[in-house]
Amino acid sequence: MIVTTLALLFAMQGQPPSLQALASTSADSRLPQDTICRDEAILRRSDADVWARVFAPQQTWMSHLGDMDGDGLFDLPDGVDALAYLPKIPGNPNSIFDLVFSSDRDFQGFEDGDILRLSRFGGIEIMHSEGALDAALLPVSGTLDIDGLTVVSDNVFLVTFKDSLNGTVVGDVLDGDILQWDATTGVITRFADELQVQAWVENATGSTSSIGDVKSLSFHPVSGDLLFTVQSPSAIDATVFSASNNGEILQGWEEDDWGFQISTEIDALSFIPEEMKQPVLLSTDVNYLNPDESFQLRMRHAEAGIRLSGMAGPMYQISSSNRGGAGYTILDLNARPLHRWPGRSASQIITDASGTASFQTKAPNLPAGMTSATLWYQVYAHGGGWSTPLVFLVE
């Protein structure tokens, strides 16, 4: 009823709502303002923007996961295979904490069939384990690896798998089948089989080429129609399809609309029903520094001509922020020492016409007796909210 009412409202106003989605790719890619888009990065695209942009880069994951195995290196997922919007605290500003995901491969004790989310206390939480899904499906053979994921309702999901599974409670499952899983009751049903999805794509494109895997799933935030992407042919593996009208391409969401500079496959996709703003991206070339070592901080995806102020500190503490941008701060703003940059006597950081800026700074010297320190950095864009975070190890 809510979806129908929204659709009628926009129809009466004579303009469709702007759609926005978060996504990840199967391999590293390039965008006009993001020359390197790692396969674990989350991208954001709005059909009101000229191209997609990186929303959460590799260094965002590193900032939240830290060094999970004690090897001296910051950790991150080995690719993002599935992505879905599921607010943890309804009413809070939207942020990366409102997403659940599955990884391309097992990493740091997590399995590629787990449904995961970032913890506000650092690290990752398992929302639903691969073991629980395996116990519900009971496959005789095959590897359980989530490929597509979206939320139907509370603890009810649609899922697809990277590989076929044999002898499950619903029979053999192909990598193009879509299953519905109630994680509370454990009940699994077949939502659509690969032949149905193949027919939707054939009707949309006029081609009979095999679709391969169903790579991602989502729902249209206004109409409620099922949306998805497929593995092949490669010319359409970043095109968003709709199950509406027996299969059609979602207008404004073909492969070329993303702005990719090289051939790219969408591996995970989630349309966001509420506004999730593009944050300023804070980046650097190195996350491991010597004391007093010079390094450069770069900022992009800000508005043109706005002032940026930076902060750095040794305490990780997540606080929601309704000032836009990333939707949260990663720094304990009451902790000491808290370094603010640029200093009062230094020139202000103002973004150029493309919304980018840079700042040259140095790592701090360590106090006597201290051999290493972990520091988090974040930028506040005046009028644009908080940037994505960075983490550094100084030793």
Protein backbone atom coordinates (compact mmCIF):
# COMPACT_ATOMS: atom_id res chain seq x y z
CA MET A 1 0.00 0.00 0.00
CA ILE A 2 2.84 2.42 0.84
CA VAL A 3 4.63 1.64 -2.41
CA THR A 4 1.44 2.15 -4.43
CA THR A 5 0.70 5.44 -2.68
CA LEU A 6 4.21 6.73 -3.38
CA ALA A 7 3.94 5.77 -7.04
CA LEU A 8 0.59 7.59 -7.34
CA LEU A 9 2.00 10.66 -5.61
CA PHE A 10 4.93 10.94 -8.01
CA ALA A 11 2.63 10.31 -10.98
CA MET A 12 0.38 13.19 -9.85
CA GLN A 13 3.42 15.44 -9.55
CA GLY A 14 4.45 14.51 -13.08
CA GLN A 15 7.98 13.41 -12.17
CA PRO A 16 9.46 10.04 -11.25
CA PRO A 17 11.45 9.75 -8.03
CA SER A 18 15.23 9.72 -8.26
CA LEU A 19 16.49 6.17 -7.80
CA GLN A 20 19.70 5.40 -5.96
CA ALA A 21 21.49 2.11 -5.54
CA LEU A 22 24.61 0.73 -3.92
CA ALA A 23 26.61 -1.90 -5.76
CA SER A 24 29.87 -3.81 -5.95
CA THR A 25 31.70 -5.28 -8.93
CA SER A 26 33.13 -8.73 -9.65
CA ALA A 27 36.60 -7.33 -10.38
CA ASP A 28 38.44 -4.03 -10.07
CA SER A 29 36.99 -1.33 -12.32
CA ARG A 30 37.33 2.38 -13.17
CA LEU A 31 34.97 5.35 -13.07
CA PRO A 32 35.54 8.92 -14.31
CA GLN A 33 36.45 10.28 -10.83
CA ASP A 34 37.52 6.97 -9.27
CA THR A 35 40.41 5.64 -11.32
CA ILE A 36 40.67 2.50 -9.18
CA CYS A 37 37.47 0.85 -7.91
CA ARG A 38 38.46 -2.27 -5.98
CA ASP A 39 36.14 -5.26 -6.09
CA GLU A 40 35.47 -4.91 -2.35
CA ALA A 41 34.48 -1.24 -2.72
CA ILE A 42 30.82 -0.24 -2.53
CA LEU A 43 29.68 2.10 -5.29
CA ARG A 44 26.75 4.50 -5.24
CA ARG A 45 24.74 5.50 -8.28
CA SER A 46 21.81 7.89 -8.52
CA ASP A 47 19.99 8.36 -11.81
CA ALA A 48 20.13 12.08 -10.99
CA ASP A 49 23.96 11.96 -11.22
CA VAL A 50 26.12 11.72 -14.33
CA TRP A 51 27.91 8.52 -13.25
CA ALA A 52 28.46 6.17 -10.33
CA ARG A 53 30.95 7.01 -7.58
CA VAL A 54 32.77 5.06 -4.89
CA PHE A 55 30.69 5.20 -1.70
CA ALA A 56 32.85 3.06 0.61
CA PRO A 57 36.39 2.29 -0.62
CA GLN A 58 38.82 -0.38 0.52
CA GLN A 59 40.08 1.92 3.27
CA THR A 60 36.60 2.20 4.82
CA TRP A 61 36.60 -1.55 5.44
CA MET A 62 40.12 -1.33 6.88
CA SER A 63 39.05 1.46 9.23
CA HIS A 64 36.25 -0.66 10.71
CA LEU A 65 37.85 -4.11 10.70
CA GLY A 66 41.34 -3.19 11.88
CA ASP A 67 43.92 -5.96 12.21
CA MET A 68 41.68 -8.96 12.89
CA ASP A 69 44.38 -11.66 12.86
CA GLY A 70 47.27 -9.77 14.44
CA ASP A 71 49.54 -9.97 11.39
CA GLY A 72 50.25 -6.24 11.40
CA LEU A 73 47.99 -5.52 8.40
CA PHE A 74 44.49 -4.07 8.29
CA ASP A 75 41.85 -6.49 7.00
CA LEU A 76 38.96 -6.28 4.54
CA PRO A 77 36.47 -8.66 2.87
CA ASP A 78 37.70 -10.64 -0.10
CA GLY A 79 35.18 -8.98 -2.42
CA VAL A 80 31.47 -8.23 -1.83
CA ASP A 81 29.27 -10.89 -3.42
CA ALA A 82 25.85 -9.73 -2.17
CA LEU A 83 24.45 -6.55 -0.65
CA ALA A 84 21.11 -5.59 0.88
CA TYR A 85 19.65 -2.60 2.74
CA LEU A 86 18.44 -3.47 6.23
CA PRO A 87 18.40 -0.56 8.73
CA LYS A 88 19.66 -1.64 12.13
CA ILE A 89 18.28 1.41 13.94
CA PRO A 90 15.27 2.76 11.97
CA GLY A 91 15.17 6.54 11.97
CA ASN A 92 18.94 6.99 12.29
CA PRO A 93 20.85 8.64 9.44
CA ASN A 94 21.53 6.04 6.75
CA SER A 95 25.08 4.72 6.67
CA ILE A 96 27.16 1.66 5.83
CA PHE A 97 25.93 0.09 9.09
CA ASP A 98 22.47 -0.27 7.51
CA LEU A 99 23.76 -2.80 4.97
CA VAL A 100 24.08 -6.56 5.17
CA PHE A 101 26.44 -8.36 2.82
CA SER A 102 28.13 -11.61 1.90
CA SER A 103 31.76 -11.94 0.83
CA ASP A 104 33.13 -13.44 -2.37
CA ARG A 105 35.25 -15.93 -0.45
CA ASP A 106 35.82 -17.08 3.12
CA PHE A 107 37.92 -14.61 5.12
CA GLN A 108 39.05 -14.26 8.73
CA GLY A 109 36.78 -17.07 9.92
CA PHE A 110 33.71 -15.82 8.03
CA GLU A 111 32.19 -17.99 5.30
CA ASP A 112 31.00 -16.94 1.85
CA GLY A 113 27.49 -18.13 2.74
CA ASP A 114 27.22 -15.96 5.87
CA ILE A 115 25.01 -12.87 5.93
CA LEU A 116 27.15 -10.23 7.65
CA ARG A 117 27.02 -6.62 8.80
CA LEU A 118 29.53 -4.17 10.24
CA SER A 119 29.46 -3.76 14.01
CA ARG A 120 29.40 -0.27 15.47
CA PHE A 121 31.94 -1.52 18.01
CA GLY A 122 34.38 -2.51 15.27
CA GLY A 123 34.66 -5.70 13.28
CA ILE A 124 31.87 -7.77 11.74
CA GLU A 125 28.75 -9.44 13.09
CA ILE A 126 27.20 -12.60 11.65
CA MET A 127 23.51 -11.89 11.16
CA HIS A 128 22.74 -15.35 9.76
CA SER A 129 25.36 -18.04 9.32
CA GLU A 130 26.07 -20.26 6.35
CA GLY A 131 25.49 -23.16 8.72
CA ALA A 132 21.91 -22.04 9.39
CA LEU A 133 21.21 -21.73 5.67
CA ASP A 134 22.82 -25.12 5.01
CA ALA A 135 20.69 -26.72 7.75
CA ALA A 136 17.56 -25.30 6.12
CA LEU A 137 18.50 -26.38 2.57
CA LEU A 138 20.18 -29.72 3.40
CA PRO A 139 22.04 -30.07 0.07
CA VAL A 140 23.46 -33.51 -0.72
CA SER A 141 26.28 -31.98 -2.75
CA GLY A 142 27.50 -28.60 -3.98
CA THR A 143 29.14 -25.58 -2.38
CA LEU A 144 26.88 -23.10 -0.61
CA ASP A 145 28.03 -19.58 -1.57
CA ILE A 146 25.52 -16.70 -1.58
CA ASP A 147 25.60 -14.76 -4.87
CA GLY A 148 22.51 -12.52 -4.67
CA LEU A 149 20.60 -11.26 -1.64
CA THR A 150 17.69 -8.98 -0.85
CA VAL A 151 15.31 -8.48 2.06
CA VAL A 152 11.63 -9.41 1.67
CA SER A 153 10.54 -8.69 5.25
CA ASP A 154 11.80 -9.21 8.79
CA ASN A 155 14.27 -12.12 8.62
CA VAL A 156 12.95 -13.22 5.21
CA PHE A 157 15.37 -13.07 2.27
CA LEU A 158 15.61 -13.87 -1.40
CA VAL A 159 18.93 -15.55 -2.24
CA THR A 160 20.78 -16.95 -5.23
CA PHE A 161 23.90 -19.09 -5.19
CA LYS A 162 27.19 -18.99 -7.06
CA ASP A 163 27.12 -22.73 -7.74
CA SER A 164 24.42 -25.32 -8.27
CA LEU A 165 23.28 -27.41 -5.29
CA ASN A 166 21.97 -30.96 -5.56
CA GLY A 167 19.37 -32.80 -3.50
CA THR A 168 18.13 -29.88 -1.37
CA VAL A 169 14.74 -29.77 0.36
CA VAL A 170 13.37 -28.01 -2.76
CA GLY A 171 15.18 -30.32 -5.20
CA ASP A 172 18.22 -29.43 -7.28
CA VAL A 173 19.00 -25.70 -7.25
CA LEU A 174 20.66 -24.01 -10.24
CA ASP A 175 22.81 -20.88 -10.02
CA GLY A 176 20.04 -18.97 -11.77
CA ASP A 177 17.29 -20.04 -9.35
CA ILE A 178 15.94 -17.57 -6.77
CA LEU A 179 14.98 -19.02 -3.39
CA GLN A 180 13.07 -17.45 -0.50
CA TRP A 181 14.41 -18.20 2.97
CA ASP A 182 12.63 -17.46 6.23
CA ALA A 183 15.58 -17.38 8.62
CA THR A 184 13.26 -17.51 11.65
CA THR A 185 11.35 -20.66 10.72
CA GLY A 186 13.98 -22.15 8.42
CA VAL A 187 11.42 -22.63 5.64
CA ILE A 188 12.81 -22.39 2.09
CA THR A 189 10.75 -22.18 -1.10
CA ARG A 190 11.59 -21.61 -4.75
CA PHE A 191 10.63 -18.03 -5.67
CA ALA A 192 11.59 -18.32 -9.36
CA ASP A 193 13.61 -20.86 -11.31
CA GLU A 194 16.38 -20.18 -13.82
CA LEU A 195 14.05 -20.80 -16.77
CA GLN A 196 11.76 -18.02 -15.53
CA VAL A 197 14.64 -15.58 -15.06
CA GLN A 198 16.01 -16.54 -18.48
CA ALA A 199 12.58 -15.77 -19.98
CA TRP A 200 12.49 -12.35 -18.28
CA VAL A 201 15.88 -11.43 -19.77
CA GLU A 202 14.95 -12.79 -23.21
CA ASN A 203 11.77 -10.71 -23.22
CA ALA A 204 13.76 -7.62 -22.19
CA THR A 205 16.58 -8.02 -24.71
CA GLY A 206 15.27 -10.18 -27.54
CA SER A 207 18.36 -12.38 -27.11
CA THR A 208 18.33 -16.08 -26.23
CA SER A 209 21.91 -16.10 -24.85
CA SER A 210 22.32 -17.93 -21.55
CA ILE A 211 22.20 -15.65 -18.49
CA GLY A 212 24.59 -17.74 -16.36
CA ASP A 213 24.29 -16.84 -12.66
CA VAL A 214 21.78 -14.41 -11.19
CA LYS A 215 24.41 -12.11 -9.67
CA SER A 216 22.33 -9.70 -7.58
CA LEU A 217 18.79 -9.07 -6.33
CA SER A 218 16.87 -6.04 -5.09
CA PHE A 219 13.39 -4.54 -5.06
CA HIS A 220 12.31 -1.32 -6.74
CA PRO A 221 11.82 1.12 -3.84
CA VAL A 222 8.62 2.59 -5.35
CA SER A 223 6.92 -0.10 -7.43
CA GLY A 224 8.15 -3.08 -5.40
CA ASP A 225 9.13 -4.94 -8.59
CA LEU A 226 11.93 -7.50 -8.37
CA LEU A 227 15.19 -6.18 -9.85
CA PHE A 228 18.27 -8.24 -10.69
CA THR A 229 21.49 -8.52 -12.69
CA VAL A 230 22.89 -11.53 -14.53
CA GLN A 231 26.32 -12.91 -15.36
CA SER A 232 26.12 -12.97 -19.14
CA PRO A 233 26.34 -11.91 -21.90
CA SER A 234 29.13 -9.55 -20.81
CA ALA A 235 27.57 -6.63 -22.71
CA ILE A 236 24.65 -6.59 -20.24
CA ASP A 237 26.22 -7.87 -17.01
CA ALA A 238 25.90 -4.42 -15.40
CA THR A 239 22.37 -3.82 -16.75
CA VAL A 240 19.55 -3.88 -14.19
CA PHE A 241 16.55 -5.99 -15.19
CA SER A 242 13.03 -5.94 -13.79
CA ALA A 243 10.62 -8.87 -13.56
CA SER A 244 7.81 -6.40 -14.34
CA ASN A 245 5.85 -6.93 -17.59
CA ASN A 246 7.35 -10.41 -18.01
CA GLY A 247 10.84 -8.92 -18.03
CA GLU A 248 12.21 -5.52 -19.02
CA ILE A 249 15.31 -3.36 -18.59
CA LEU A 250 14.95 -0.80 -15.81
CA GLN A 251 14.92 2.55 -17.59
CA GLY A 252 18.08 4.57 -16.97
CA TRP A 253 19.97 1.59 -15.53
CA GLU A 254 21.64 -0.02 -18.52
CA GLU A 255 25.33 -0.94 -18.43
CA ASP A 256 26.48 2.33 -20.06
CA ASP A 257 24.55 4.41 -17.50
CA TRP A 258 27.00 3.51 -14.72
CA GLY A 259 29.89 5.30 -16.44
CA PHE A 260 32.38 2.43 -16.15
CA GLN A 261 35.56 3.05 -18.13
CA ILE A 262 36.26 -0.66 -18.69
CA SER A 263 34.06 -3.73 -19.12
CA THR A 264 32.52 -4.35 -15.69
CA GLU A 265 30.16 -6.88 -14.12
CA ILE A 266 27.87 -5.95 -11.22
CA ASP A 267 28.29 -8.52 -8.45
CA ALA A 268 26.07 -7.02 -5.74
CA LEU A 269 23.23 -4.49 -5.90
CA SER A 270 20.78 -2.88 -3.50
CA PHE A 271 18.36 -0.09 -4.31
CA ILE A 272 17.92 2.21 -1.31
CA PRO A 273 14.37 3.34 -0.46
CA GLU A 274 15.60 6.27 1.64
CA GLU A 275 18.23 8.87 0.86
CA MET A 276 21.78 7.69 1.43
CA LYS A 277 24.00 10.60 0.49
CA GLN A 278 27.31 10.42 -1.32
CA PRO A 279 30.04 11.14 1.25
CA VAL A 280 33.29 12.92 0.60
CA LEU A 281 35.93 10.24 0.01
CA LEU A 282 39.09 10.59 2.08
CA SER A 283 42.00 8.58 0.67
CA THR A 284 45.76 8.13 0.79
CA ASP A 285 48.38 5.94 -0.86
CA VAL A 286 49.70 4.30 2.29
CA ASN A 287 48.18 3.21 5.61
CA TYR A 288 51.46 2.29 7.34
CA LEU A 289 53.71 5.17 8.39
CA ASN A 290 56.90 5.90 10.25
CA PRO A 291 56.81 8.57 12.97
CA ASP A 292 57.15 12.07 11.46
CA GLU A 293 56.73 10.67 7.92
CA SER A 294 55.11 13.00 5.38
CA PHE A 295 52.03 11.81 3.51
CA GLN A 296 49.21 13.29 1.47
CA LEU A 297 45.49 13.12 2.17
CA ARG A 298 43.16 13.44 -0.82
CA MET A 299 39.48 14.32 -0.80
CA ARG A 300 36.98 13.94 -3.66
CA HIS A 301 33.22 13.80 -4.35
CA ALA A 302 32.61 16.96 -2.32
CA GLU A 303 30.68 19.94 -3.61
CA ALA A 304 32.73 22.60 -5.37
CA GLY A 305 34.07 25.51 -3.33
CA ILE A 306 33.31 24.23 0.17
CA ARG A 307 35.59 24.20 3.20
CA LEU A 308 36.92 20.93 4.61
CA SER A 309 38.14 20.41 8.18
CA GLY A 310 39.98 17.30 9.31
CA MET A 311 40.34 15.44 12.59
CA ALA A 312 42.56 12.60 13.73
CA GLY A 313 42.61 10.63 16.96
CA PRO A 314 43.50 7.31 18.62
CA MET A 315 40.01 6.30 19.81
CA TYR A 316 37.46 4.42 17.66
CA GLN A 317 33.89 5.33 18.60
CA ILE A 318 30.93 5.36 16.21
CA SER A 319 28.38 8.13 16.60
CA SER A 320 25.49 8.72 14.20
CA SER A 321 25.42 12.13 12.57
CA ASN A 322 22.45 13.78 10.89
CA ARG A 323 24.74 16.25 9.13
CA GLY A 324 24.84 14.19 5.95
CA GLY A 325 27.78 12.58 4.21
CA ALA A 326 28.77 9.17 5.60
CA GLY A 327 26.11 9.54 8.33
CA TYR A 328 28.48 8.87 11.24
CA THR A 329 31.75 9.85 12.87
CA ILE A 330 34.38 7.22 13.64
CA LEU A 331 36.29 9.39 16.12
CA ASP A 332 35.65 9.89 19.80
CA LEU A 333 35.42 13.68 19.62
CA ASN A 334 35.92 13.96 23.39
CA ALA A 335 39.11 11.89 23.45
CA ARG A 336 42.52 13.45 23.89
CA PRO A 337 44.71 13.94 22.02
CA LEU A 338 42.44 14.93 19.12
CA HIS A 339 44.36 16.56 16.30
CA ARG A 340 42.47 19.05 14.11
CA TRP A 341 43.80 20.00 10.70
CA PRO A 342 44.65 22.30 9.07
CA GLY A 343 45.88 24.34 12.03
CA ARG A 344 44.47 27.77 12.81
CA SER A 345 47.41 29.53 11.18
CA ALA A 346 47.34 27.35 8.03
CA SER A 347 45.41 28.02 4.85
CA GLN A 348 41.89 26.63 4.69
CA ILE A 349 41.18 23.55 2.57
CA ILE A 350 38.72 24.57 -0.15
CA THR A 351 37.56 22.14 -2.84
CA ASP A 352 38.13 22.97 -6.49
CA ALA A 353 35.53 23.05 -9.27
CA SER A 354 35.46 19.23 -9.41
CA GLY A 355 34.93 18.89 -5.65
CA THR A 356 38.45 17.65 -4.89
CA ALA A 357 41.23 18.84 -2.59
CA SER A 358 44.44 17.57 -0.98
CA PHE A 359 46.40 18.19 2.20
CA GLN A 360 50.05 17.43 2.97
CA THR A 361 50.75 16.46 6.57
CA LYS A 362 53.00 14.32 8.78
CA ALA A 363 52.53 11.33 11.04
CA PRO A 364 53.00 12.20 14.71
CA ASN A 365 56.06 11.27 16.71
CA LEU A 366 55.36 8.53 19.25
CA PRO A 367 55.71 9.21 22.98
CA ALA A 368 58.69 7.67 24.76
CA GLY A 369 58.14 3.96 25.36
CA MET A 370 55.39 3.61 22.73
CA THR A 371 56.32 1.46 19.72
CA SER A 372 53.17 1.85 17.63
CA ALA A 373 49.86 3.69 17.47
CA THR A 374 46.65 3.30 15.45
CA LEU A 375 45.09 6.57 14.33
CA TRP A 376 41.78 7.27 12.59
CA TYR A 377 41.26 10.25 10.29
CA GLN A 378 38.03 11.81 9.03
CA VAL A 379 37.04 15.03 7.26
CA TYR A 380 34.03 17.23 7.86
CA ALA A 381 32.70 18.99 4.75
CA HIS A 382 30.99 22.17 5.90
CA GLY A 383 27.48 21.85 4.53
CA GLY A 384 28.14 18.29 3.33
CA GLY A 385 28.70 16.13 6.40
CA TRP A 386 31.35 13.56 7.33
CA SER A 387 33.72 11.85 4.92
CA THR A 388 34.61 8.18 4.75
CA PRO A 389 37.25 7.30 7.38
CA LEU A 390 40.91 6.34 7.14
CA VAL A 391 43.05 4.31 9.52
CA PHE A 392 46.84 4.45 9.89
CA LEU A 393 49.37 2.38 11.77
CA VAL A 394 52.33 4.47 12.92
CA GLU A 395 55.33 2.44 14.08
